[in-house]
């Protein structure tokens, strides 16, 4: 009898026992970590994806890549999509957590550190912009192999041993959507998410780094087009009364677009 095989079997059984207990005690918890024999792993339960009707109508009218609706998937379809994508990207040497095991109702992932959002919010990084540049590099690498993230907010990047990792790939989109649009959406979502951190960020440097690595020279033009399409709304937001009524996310979008529309293409 193989001792190693027996230990692995016990370890897997132990994980499932702990997970079952966690789900029983916290039935609404969809993502959580556990420790098995001193090792931290993450559990992600199956959950449906999709966009509401207003979101879908907004895209139908505007064709704005920022509001591309997420594909409707059942919990099991979403679980299969995300776990398969993680496995595929891992084989392509994209920095994602390794999938340890997949079941009908959840999958188990290696731990790859705390989120960049948490580290910056808690002032755990001396040079946040350096971390943000590392994310841009990895996002560029992902786009250069004709892939997209889908949920590229800063909360979906982790940092461990000086290395960035992607997490949360459950969102998918219609096959009719151009990959270039999805990649532009990735870039915008990332920039938008860091605009909410209330830290000094040189967006021009980050965008130029992305352009240098991907050769996508049209992204600045896309930002300008996006800004011009909502120019009326931006002017409306500048009204003091309106400004005091809108939510934080809308203010963050306004600040970001104001900065992005002032960025000019780098001279060749």
C-alpha atoms as a PDB file:
ATOM      1  CA  UNK A   1       0.000   0.000   0.000  1.00  0.00           C
ATOM      2  CA  UNK A   2       1.371   3.445  -0.964  1.00  0.00           C
ATOM      3  CA  UNK A   3       1.682   5.707   2.065  1.00  0.00           C
ATOM      4  CA  UNK A   4       1.822   8.797  -0.160  1.00  0.00           C
ATOM      5  CA  UNK A   5      -1.385   7.817  -1.963  1.00  0.00           C
ATOM      6  CA  UNK A   6      -3.115   7.178   1.340  1.00  0.00           C
ATOM      7  CA  UNK A   7      -2.060  10.581   2.698  1.00  0.00           C
ATOM      8  CA  UNK A   8      -3.319  12.368  -0.433  1.00  0.00           C
ATOM      9  CA  UNK A   9      -6.650  10.520  -0.177  1.00  0.00           C
ATOM     10  CA  UNK A  10      -7.017  11.506   3.478  1.00  0.00           C
ATOM     11  CA  UNK A  11      -6.136  15.097   2.632  1.00  0.00           C
ATOM     12  CA  UNK A  12      -8.792  15.295  -0.117  1.00  0.00           C
ATOM     13  CA  UNK A  13     -11.433  13.704   2.143  1.00  0.00           C
ATOM     14  CA  UNK A  14     -10.488  16.137   4.889  1.00  0.00           C
ATOM     15  CA  UNK A  15     -10.938  19.085   2.529  1.00  0.00           C
ATOM     16  CA  UNK A  16     -14.392  17.952   1.454  1.00  0.00           C
ATOM     17  CA  UNK A  17     -15.466  17.359   5.069  1.00  0.00           C
ATOM     18  CA  UNK A  18     -14.361  20.851   6.091  1.00  0.00           C
ATOM     19  CA  UNK A  19     -16.029  22.402   3.035  1.00  0.00           C
ATOM     20  CA  UNK A  20     -19.307  20.567   3.694  1.00  0.00           C
ATOM     21  CA  UNK A  21     -19.301  21.839   7.278  1.00  0.00           C
ATOM     22  CA  UNK A  22     -18.531  25.407   6.136  1.00  0.00           C
ATOM     23  CA  UNK A  23     -21.382  25.364   3.604  1.00  0.00           C
ATOM     24  CA  UNK A  24     -23.785  23.979   6.204  1.00  0.00           C
ATOM     25  CA  UNK A  25     -22.855  26.712   8.703  1.00  0.00           C
ATOM     26  CA  UNK A  26     -22.767  29.503   6.084  1.00  0.00           C
ATOM     27  CA  UNK A  27     -25.113  28.467   3.243  1.00  0.00           C
ATOM     28  CA  UNK A  28     -24.985  31.893   1.530  1.00  0.00           C
ATOM     29  CA  UNK A  29     -21.202  32.174   1.498  1.00  0.00           C
ATOM     30  CA  UNK A  30     -20.043  31.692  -2.104  1.00  0.00           C
ATOM     31  CA  UNK A  31     -16.268  32.159  -1.771  1.00  0.00           C
ATOM     32  CA  UNK A  32     -14.250  31.245   1.306  1.00  0.00           C
ATOM     33  CA  UNK A  33     -10.910  29.799   2.358  1.00  0.00           C
ATOM     34  CA  UNK A  34     -10.151  26.833   4.560  1.00  0.00           C
ATOM     35  CA  UNK A  35      -7.002  25.300   6.003  1.00  0.00           C
ATOM     36  CA  UNK A  36      -6.151  21.642   5.555  1.00  0.00           C
ATOM     37  CA  UNK A  37      -3.041  20.335   7.299  1.00  0.00           C
ATOM     38  CA  UNK A  38      -1.680  23.864   7.575  1.00  0.00           C
ATOM     39  CA  UNK A  39      -2.290  24.692   3.915  1.00  0.00           C
ATOM     40  CA  UNK A  40      -4.682  27.474   2.907  1.00  0.00           C
ATOM     41  CA  UNK A  41      -6.926  26.846  -0.111  1.00  0.00           C
ATOM     42  CA  UNK A  42      -9.890  28.715  -1.595  1.00  0.00           C
ATOM     43  CA  UNK A  43     -13.326  27.338  -2.383  1.00  0.00           C
ATOM     44  CA  UNK A  44     -15.615  28.876  -4.975  1.00  0.00           C
ATOM     45  CA  UNK A  45     -19.179  27.637  -5.152  1.00  0.00           C
ATOM     46  CA  UNK A  46     -21.278  27.503  -8.303  1.00  0.00           C
ATOM     47  CA  UNK A  47     -23.300  30.668  -8.887  1.00  0.00           C
ATOM     48  CA  UNK A  48     -25.227  31.965 -11.879  1.00  0.00           C
ATOM     49  CA  UNK A  49     -24.053  34.874 -14.006  1.00  0.00           C
ATOM     50  CA  UNK A  50     -25.900  37.395 -16.158  1.00  0.00           C
ATOM     51  CA  UNK A  51     -26.858  41.040 -16.591  1.00  0.00           C
ATOM     52  CA  UNK A  52     -30.157  42.723 -15.787  1.00  0.00           C
ATOM     53  CA  UNK A  53     -32.569  43.948 -18.468  1.00  0.00           C
ATOM     54  CA  UNK A  54     -31.571  47.610 -18.098  1.00  0.00           C
ATOM     55  CA  UNK A  55     -27.935  46.692 -18.663  1.00  0.00           C
ATOM     56  CA  UNK A  56     -28.831  44.763 -21.833  1.00  0.00           C
ATOM     57  CA  UNK A  57     -30.984  47.609 -23.167  1.00  0.00           C
ATOM     58  CA  UNK A  58     -28.187  50.125 -22.477  1.00  0.00           C
ATOM     59  CA  UNK A  59     -25.812  48.090 -24.616  1.00  0.00           C
ATOM     60  CA  UNK A  60     -28.368  47.604 -27.410  1.00  0.00           C
ATOM     61  CA  UNK A  61     -28.836  51.383 -27.635  1.00  0.00           C
ATOM     62  CA  UNK A  62     -25.268  52.591 -27.154  1.00  0.00           C
ATOM     63  CA  UNK A  63     -23.070  49.647 -28.259  1.00  0.00           C
ATOM     64  CA  UNK A  64     -20.692  50.969 -25.610  1.00  0.00           C
ATOM     65  CA  UNK A  65     -18.050  48.285 -24.859  1.00  0.00           C
ATOM     66  CA  UNK A  66     -18.036  49.265 -21.193  1.00  0.00           C
ATOM     67  CA  UNK A  67     -21.610  48.015 -20.755  1.00  0.00           C
ATOM     68  CA  UNK A  68     -21.372  44.756 -22.719  1.00  0.00           C
ATOM     69  CA  UNK A  69     -23.805  42.438 -20.927  1.00  0.00           C
ATOM     70  CA  UNK A  70     -22.505  39.294 -19.267  1.00  0.00           C
ATOM     71  CA  UNK A  71     -23.709  35.989 -20.708  1.00  0.00           C
ATOM     72  CA  UNK A  72     -26.490  34.258 -18.788  1.00  0.00           C
ATOM     73  CA  UNK A  73     -25.229  30.983 -17.290  1.00  0.00           C
ATOM     74  CA  UNK A  74     -26.619  28.566 -14.730  1.00  0.00           C
ATOM     75  CA  UNK A  75     -24.483  27.972 -11.607  1.00  0.00           C
ATOM     76  CA  UNK A  76     -23.111  24.726 -13.059  1.00  0.00           C
ATOM     77  CA  UNK A  77     -22.405  26.323 -16.455  1.00  0.00           C
ATOM     78  CA  UNK A  78     -20.562  29.206 -14.763  1.00  0.00           C
ATOM     79  CA  UNK A  79     -18.551  26.801 -12.620  1.00  0.00           C
ATOM     80  CA  UNK A  80     -17.546  24.704 -15.627  1.00  0.00           C
ATOM     81  CA  UNK A  81     -16.647  27.791 -17.669  1.00  0.00           C
ATOM     82  CA  UNK A  82     -14.466  29.380 -14.992  1.00  0.00           C
ATOM     83  CA  UNK A  83     -12.669  26.241 -13.823  1.00  0.00           C
ATOM     84  CA  UNK A  84     -11.939  25.222 -17.430  1.00  0.00           C
ATOM     85  CA  UNK A  85     -10.622  28.684 -18.280  1.00  0.00           C
ATOM     86  CA  UNK A  86      -8.373  28.691 -15.211  1.00  0.00           C
ATOM     87  CA  UNK A  87      -6.948  25.305 -16.191  1.00  0.00           C
ATOM     88  CA  UNK A  88      -6.364  26.436 -19.769  1.00  0.00           C
ATOM     89  CA  UNK A  89      -4.641  29.667 -18.727  1.00  0.00           C
ATOM     90  CA  UNK A  90      -2.511  27.831 -16.191  1.00  0.00           C
ATOM     91  CA  UNK A  91      -1.220  25.563 -18.959  1.00  0.00           C
ATOM     92  CA  UNK A  92      -0.382  28.687 -20.989  1.00  0.00           C
ATOM     93  CA  UNK A  93       1.742  29.988 -18.064  1.00  0.00           C
ATOM     94  CA  UNK A  94      -0.655  32.841 -17.310  1.00  0.00           C
ATOM     95  CA  UNK A  95      -0.436  33.609 -13.565  1.00  0.00           C
ATOM     96  CA  UNK A  96      -3.661  32.142 -12.195  1.00  0.00           C
ATOM     97  CA  UNK A  97      -4.193  29.926  -9.143  1.00  0.00           C
ATOM     98  CA  UNK A  98      -3.944  26.212  -9.828  1.00  0.00           C
ATOM     99  CA  UNK A  99      -7.254  24.341  -9.739  1.00  0.00           C
ATOM    100  CA  UNK A 100      -6.853  21.565  -7.178  1.00  0.00           C
ATOM    101  CA  UNK A 101     -10.186  19.856  -7.692  1.00  0.00           C
ATOM    102  CA  UNK A 102     -13.562  20.397  -9.343  1.00  0.00           C
ATOM    103  CA  UNK A 103     -16.863  19.033  -8.036  1.00  0.00           C
ATOM    104  CA  UNK A 104     -20.440  19.534  -9.154  1.00  0.00           C
ATOM    105  CA  UNK A 105     -21.054  22.395  -6.735  1.00  0.00           C
ATOM    106  CA  UNK A 106     -17.654  24.030  -6.194  1.00  0.00           C
ATOM    107  CA  UNK A 107     -14.002  24.008  -7.147  1.00  0.00           C
ATOM    108  CA  UNK A 108     -10.887  24.339  -4.989  1.00  0.00           C
ATOM    109  CA  UNK A 109      -7.975  26.686  -5.749  1.00  0.00           C
ATOM    110  CA  UNK A 110      -4.476  27.221  -4.449  1.00  0.00           C
ATOM    111  CA  UNK A 111      -3.994  30.352  -2.376  1.00  0.00           C
ATOM    112  CA  UNK A 112      -2.045  33.057  -4.204  1.00  0.00           C
ATOM    113  CA  UNK A 113      -2.008  35.835  -1.645  1.00  0.00           C
ATOM    114  CA  UNK A 114      -4.275  38.729  -0.692  1.00  0.00           C
ATOM    115  CA  UNK A 115      -5.903  41.022  -3.232  1.00  0.00           C
ATOM    116  CA  UNK A 116      -4.077  44.089  -4.490  1.00  0.00           C
ATOM    117  CA  UNK A 117      -7.130  46.135  -3.470  1.00  0.00           C
ATOM    118  CA  UNK A 118      -6.715  44.975   0.135  1.00  0.00           C
ATOM    119  CA  UNK A 119      -2.959  45.585   0.144  1.00  0.00           C
ATOM    120  CA  UNK A 120      -3.278  49.143  -1.166  1.00  0.00           C
ATOM    121  CA  UNK A 121      -6.309  50.024   0.986  1.00  0.00           C
ATOM    122  CA  UNK A 122      -4.487  48.822   4.124  1.00  0.00           C
ATOM    123  CA  UNK A 123      -1.290  50.691   3.149  1.00  0.00           C
ATOM    124  CA  UNK A 124       0.686  47.453   2.942  1.00  0.00           C
ATOM    125  CA  UNK A 125       2.544  48.592  -0.186  1.00  0.00           C
ATOM    126  CA  UNK A 126       5.203  51.303  -0.181  1.00  0.00           C
ATOM    127  CA  UNK A 127       4.909  51.808  -3.934  1.00  0.00           C
ATOM    128  CA  UNK A 128       1.314  51.108  -5.117  1.00  0.00           C
ATOM    129  CA  UNK A 129       1.967  52.408  -8.628  1.00  0.00           C
ATOM    130  CA  UNK A 130       4.675  49.808  -9.120  1.00  0.00           C
ATOM    131  CA  UNK A 131       2.127  47.095  -8.289  1.00  0.00           C
ATOM    132  CA  UNK A 132      -0.363  48.655 -10.710  1.00  0.00           C
ATOM    133  CA  UNK A 133       2.260  48.600 -13.444  1.00  0.00           C
ATOM    134  CA  UNK A 134       2.843  44.902 -12.778  1.00  0.00           C
ATOM    135  CA  UNK A 135      -0.880  44.333 -13.294  1.00  0.00           C
ATOM    136  CA  UNK A 136      -0.759  46.220 -16.598  1.00  0.00           C
ATOM    137  CA  UNK A 137       2.122  43.993 -17.706  1.00  0.00           C
ATOM    138  CA  UNK A 138       0.223  40.804 -16.876  1.00  0.00           C
ATOM    139  CA  UNK A 139      -3.011  42.117 -18.413  1.00  0.00           C
ATOM    140  CA  UNK A 140      -1.058  42.928 -21.580  1.00  0.00           C
ATOM    141  CA  UNK A 141       0.395  39.405 -21.620  1.00  0.00           C
ATOM    142  CA  UNK A 142      -3.107  37.975 -21.306  1.00  0.00           C
ATOM    143  CA  UNK A 143      -4.406  40.126 -24.179  1.00  0.00           C
ATOM    144  CA  UNK A 144      -1.407  39.265 -26.325  1.00  0.00           C
ATOM    145  CA  UNK A 145      -2.477  35.624 -26.390  1.00  0.00           C
ATOM    146  CA  UNK A 146      -5.945  36.693 -27.585  1.00  0.00           C
ATOM    147  CA  UNK A 147      -7.646  36.221 -24.207  1.00  0.00           C
ATOM    148  CA  UNK A 148      -9.637  38.542 -21.943  1.00  0.00           C
ATOM    149  CA  UNK A 149     -10.264  38.667 -18.214  1.00  0.00           C
ATOM    150  CA  UNK A 150     -13.884  39.832 -17.947  1.00  0.00           C
ATOM    151  CA  UNK A 151     -13.658  40.984 -14.331  1.00  0.00           C
ATOM    152  CA  UNK A 152     -10.440  42.971 -14.315  1.00  0.00           C
ATOM    153  CA  UNK A 153     -11.182  45.147 -11.281  1.00  0.00           C
ATOM    154  CA  UNK A 154      -8.303  45.544  -8.858  1.00  0.00           C
ATOM    155  CA  UNK A 155     -10.081  43.289  -6.358  1.00  0.00           C
ATOM    156  CA  UNK A 156      -9.551  40.413  -8.813  1.00  0.00           C
ATOM    157  CA  UNK A 157      -5.759  40.562  -8.783  1.00  0.00           C
ATOM    158  CA  UNK A 158      -3.729  39.059  -5.968  1.00  0.00           C
ATOM    159  CA  UNK A 159      -0.096  39.546  -5.004  1.00  0.00           C
ATOM    160  CA  UNK A 160       2.254  36.936  -3.590  1.00  0.00           C
ATOM    161  CA  UNK A 161       6.048  36.655  -3.606  1.00  0.00           C
ATOM    162  CA  UNK A 162       6.368  39.753  -5.831  1.00  0.00           C
ATOM    163  CA  UNK A 163       4.078  38.220  -8.428  1.00  0.00           C
ATOM    164  CA  UNK A 164       0.619  39.225  -9.685  1.00  0.00           C
ATOM    165  CA  UNK A 165      -2.122  36.606 -10.099  1.00  0.00           C
ATOM    166  CA  UNK A 166      -5.518  36.830 -11.830  1.00  0.00           C
ATOM    167  CA  UNK A 167      -8.646  35.530 -10.107  1.00  0.00           C
ATOM    168  CA  UNK A 168     -12.389  35.463 -10.908  1.00  0.00           C
ATOM    169  CA  UNK A 169     -12.972  34.411 -14.520  1.00  0.00           C
ATOM    170  CA  UNK A 170     -16.652  33.524 -14.297  1.00  0.00           C
ATOM    171  CA  UNK A 171     -17.877  36.216 -16.710  1.00  0.00           C
ATOM    172  CA  UNK A 172     -18.318  35.285 -20.362  1.00  0.00           C
ATOM    173  CA  UNK A 173     -19.854  37.121 -23.295  1.00  0.00           C
ATOM    174  CA  UNK A 174     -21.600  36.432 -26.581  1.00  0.00           C
ATOM    175  CA  UNK A 175     -19.316  34.978 -29.251  1.00  0.00           C
ATOM    176  CA  UNK A 176     -20.483  37.842 -31.494  1.00  0.00           C
ATOM    177  CA  UNK A 177     -18.527  40.351 -29.364  1.00  0.00           C
ATOM    178  CA  UNK A 178     -15.158  41.315 -30.846  1.00  0.00           C
ATOM    179  CA  UNK A 179     -12.252  40.274 -28.583  1.00  0.00           C
ATOM    180  CA  UNK A 180     -10.797  43.782 -29.025  1.00  0.00           C
ATOM    181  CA  UNK A 181     -13.897  45.245 -27.382  1.00  0.00           C
ATOM    182  CA  UNK A 182     -13.613  42.829 -24.460  1.00  0.00           C
ATOM    183  CA  UNK A 183      -9.948  43.694 -24.017  1.00  0.00           C
ATOM    184  CA  UNK A 184     -10.708  47.422 -24.059  1.00  0.00           C
ATOM    185  CA  UNK A 185     -13.395  46.740 -21.467  1.00  0.00           C
ATOM    186  CA  UNK A 186     -10.749  44.949 -19.357  1.00  0.00           C
ATOM    187  CA  UNK A 187      -8.468  47.971 -19.484  1.00  0.00           C
ATOM    188  CA  UNK A 188     -11.258  50.416 -18.640  1.00  0.00           C
ATOM    189  CA  UNK A 189     -12.534  48.290 -15.730  1.00  0.00           C
ATOM    190  CA  UNK A 190      -9.043  48.113 -14.276  1.00  0.00           C
ATOM    191  CA  UNK A 191      -8.501  51.877 -14.536  1.00  0.00           C
ATOM    192  CA  UNK A 192     -11.982  52.553 -13.162  1.00  0.00           C
ATOM    193  CA  UNK A 193     -11.407  50.254 -10.176  1.00  0.00           C
ATOM    194  CA  UNK A 194      -8.191  52.010  -9.177  1.00  0.00           C
ATOM    195  CA  UNK A 195      -9.856  55.421  -9.540  1.00  0.00           C
ATOM    196  CA  UNK A 196     -11.933  54.466  -6.484  1.00  0.00           C
ATOM    197  CA  UNK A 197      -8.867  53.972  -4.274  1.00  0.00           C
ATOM    198  CA  UNK A 198      -8.278  57.700  -3.725  1.00  0.00           C
ATOM    199  CA  UNK A 199      -4.551  57.438  -4.449  1.00  0.00           C
ATOM    200  CA  UNK A 200      -2.384  59.391  -6.871  1.00  0.00           C
ATOM    201  CA  UNK A 201      -2.136  57.450 -10.131  1.00  0.00           C
ATOM    202  CA  UNK A 202      -0.486  58.382 -13.399  1.00  0.00           C
ATOM    203  CA  UNK A 203      -3.044  56.926 -15.809  1.00  0.00           C
ATOM    204  CA  UNK A 204      -1.097  58.122 -18.827  1.00  0.00           C
ATOM    205  CA  UNK A 205       1.938  56.055 -17.826  1.00  0.00           C
ATOM    206  CA  UNK A 206      -0.182  52.949 -17.259  1.00  0.00           C
ATOM    207  CA  UNK A 207      -1.974  53.329 -20.591  1.00  0.00           C
ATOM    208  CA  UNK A 208       1.265  53.980 -22.449  1.00  0.00           C
ATOM    209  CA  UNK A 209       2.785  50.868 -20.870  1.00  0.00           C
ATOM    210  CA  UNK A 210      -0.194  48.877 -22.101  1.00  0.00           C
ATOM    211  CA  UNK A 211       0.161  50.339 -25.613  1.00  0.00           C
ATOM    212  CA  UNK A 212       3.900  49.600 -25.680  1.00  0.00           C
ATOM    213  CA  UNK A 213       3.312  45.966 -24.727  1.00  0.00           C
ATOM    214  CA  UNK A 214       0.222  45.223 -26.834  1.00  0.00           C
ATOM    215  CA  UNK A 215       0.753  47.584 -29.795  1.00  0.00           C
ATOM    216  CA  UNK A 216      -2.901  48.611 -29.437  1.00  0.00           C
ATOM    217  CA  UNK A 217      -2.353  52.240 -30.400  1.00  0.00           C
ATOM    218  CA  UNK A 218      -6.077  52.929 -30.782  1.00  0.00           C
ATOM    219  CA  UNK A 219      -6.947  52.689 -27.075  1.00  0.00           C
ATOM    220  CA  UNK A 220      -6.455  56.416 -26.469  1.00  0.00           C
ATOM    221  CA  UNK A 221      -8.771  57.176 -29.365  1.00  0.00           C
ATOM    222  CA  UNK A 222     -11.306  54.768 -27.842  1.00  0.00           C
ATOM    223  CA  UNK A 223     -11.108  56.583 -24.514  1.00  0.00           C
ATOM    224  CA  UNK A 224     -11.654  59.915 -26.271  1.00  0.00           C
ATOM    225  CA  UNK A 225     -14.639  58.498 -28.184  1.00  0.00           C
ATOM    226  CA  UNK A 226     -16.104  57.119 -24.979  1.00  0.00           C
ATOM    227  CA  UNK A 227     -15.691  60.462 -23.252  1.00  0.00           C
ATOM    228  CA  UNK A 228     -17.275  62.396 -26.134  1.00  0.00           C
ATOM    229  CA  UNK A 229     -20.324  60.091 -26.130  1.00  0.00           C
ATOM    230  CA  UNK A 230     -21.079  61.002 -22.523  1.00  0.00           C
ATOM    231  CA  UNK A 231     -19.962  64.625 -22.752  1.00  0.00           C
ATOM    232  CA  UNK A 232     -23.462  65.943 -22.026  1.00  0.00           C
ATOM    233  CA  UNK A 233     -23.752  63.765 -18.918  1.00  0.00           C
ATOM    234  CA  UNK A 234     -20.303  64.834 -17.737  1.00  0.00           C
ATOM    235  CA  UNK A 235     -21.274  68.496 -17.992  1.00  0.00           C
ATOM    236  CA  UNK A 236     -24.479  67.715 -16.129  1.00  0.00           C
ATOM    237  CA  UNK A 237     -22.518  66.038 -13.334  1.00  0.00           C
ATOM    238  CA  UNK A 238     -20.402  69.174 -12.925  1.00  0.00           C
ATOM    239  CA  UNK A 239     -23.456  71.005 -11.596  1.00  0.00           C
ATOM    240  CA  UNK A 240     -22.937  71.317  -7.830  1.00  0.00           C
ATOM    241  CA  UNK A 241     -26.472  70.170  -6.998  1.00  0.00           C
ATOM    242  CA  UNK A 242     -26.213  67.101  -9.248  1.00  0.00           C
ATOM    243  CA  UNK A 243     -22.737  66.305  -7.914  1.00  0.00           C
ATOM    244  CA  UNK A 244     -24.087  66.148  -4.368  1.00  0.00           C
ATOM    245  CA  UNK A 245     -26.818  63.721  -5.455  1.00  0.00           C
ATOM    246  CA  UNK A 246     -24.851  61.162  -7.477  1.00  0.00           C
ATOM    247  CA  UNK A 247     -23.201  58.080  -5.977  1.00  0.00           C
ATOM    248  CA  UNK A 248     -19.495  57.429  -5.478  1.00  0.00           C
ATOM    249  CA  UNK A 249     -19.127  55.176  -8.516  1.00  0.00           C
ATOM    250  CA  UNK A 250     -20.542  57.838 -10.837  1.00  0.00           C
ATOM    251  CA  UNK A 251     -18.114  60.390  -9.392  1.00  0.00           C
ATOM    252  CA  UNK A 252     -15.242  57.944  -9.965  1.00  0.00           C
ATOM    253  CA  UNK A 253     -16.287  57.449 -13.603  1.00  0.00           C
ATOM    254  CA  UNK A 254     -16.445  61.218 -14.078  1.00  0.00           C
ATOM    255  CA  UNK A 255     -12.972  61.774 -12.597  1.00  0.00           C
ATOM    256  CA  UNK A 256     -11.494  58.959 -14.648  1.00  0.00           C
ATOM    257  CA  UNK A 257     -13.003  60.102 -17.966  1.00  0.00           C
ATOM    258  CA  UNK A 258     -11.931  63.679 -17.255  1.00  0.00           C
ATOM    259  CA  UNK A 259      -8.334  62.498 -16.963  1.00  0.00           C
ATOM    260  CA  UNK A 260      -8.504  60.065 -19.875  1.00  0.00           C
ATOM    261  CA  UNK A 261      -9.855  62.605 -22.365  1.00  0.00           C
ATOM    262  CA  UNK A 262      -6.835  64.820 -21.657  1.00  0.00           C
ATOM    263  CA  UNK A 263      -4.358  62.100 -22.606  1.00  0.00           C
ATOM    264  CA  UNK A 264      -2.839  62.501 -26.051  1.00  0.00           C
ATOM    265  CA  UNK A 265      -1.201  59.819 -28.206  1.00  0.00           C
ATOM    266  CA  UNK A 266       2.547  59.614 -27.750  1.00  0.00           C
ATOM    267  CA  UNK A 267       4.490  61.059 -30.670  1.00  0.00           C
ATOM    268  CA  UNK A 268       6.301  58.449 -32.753  1.00  0.00           C
END
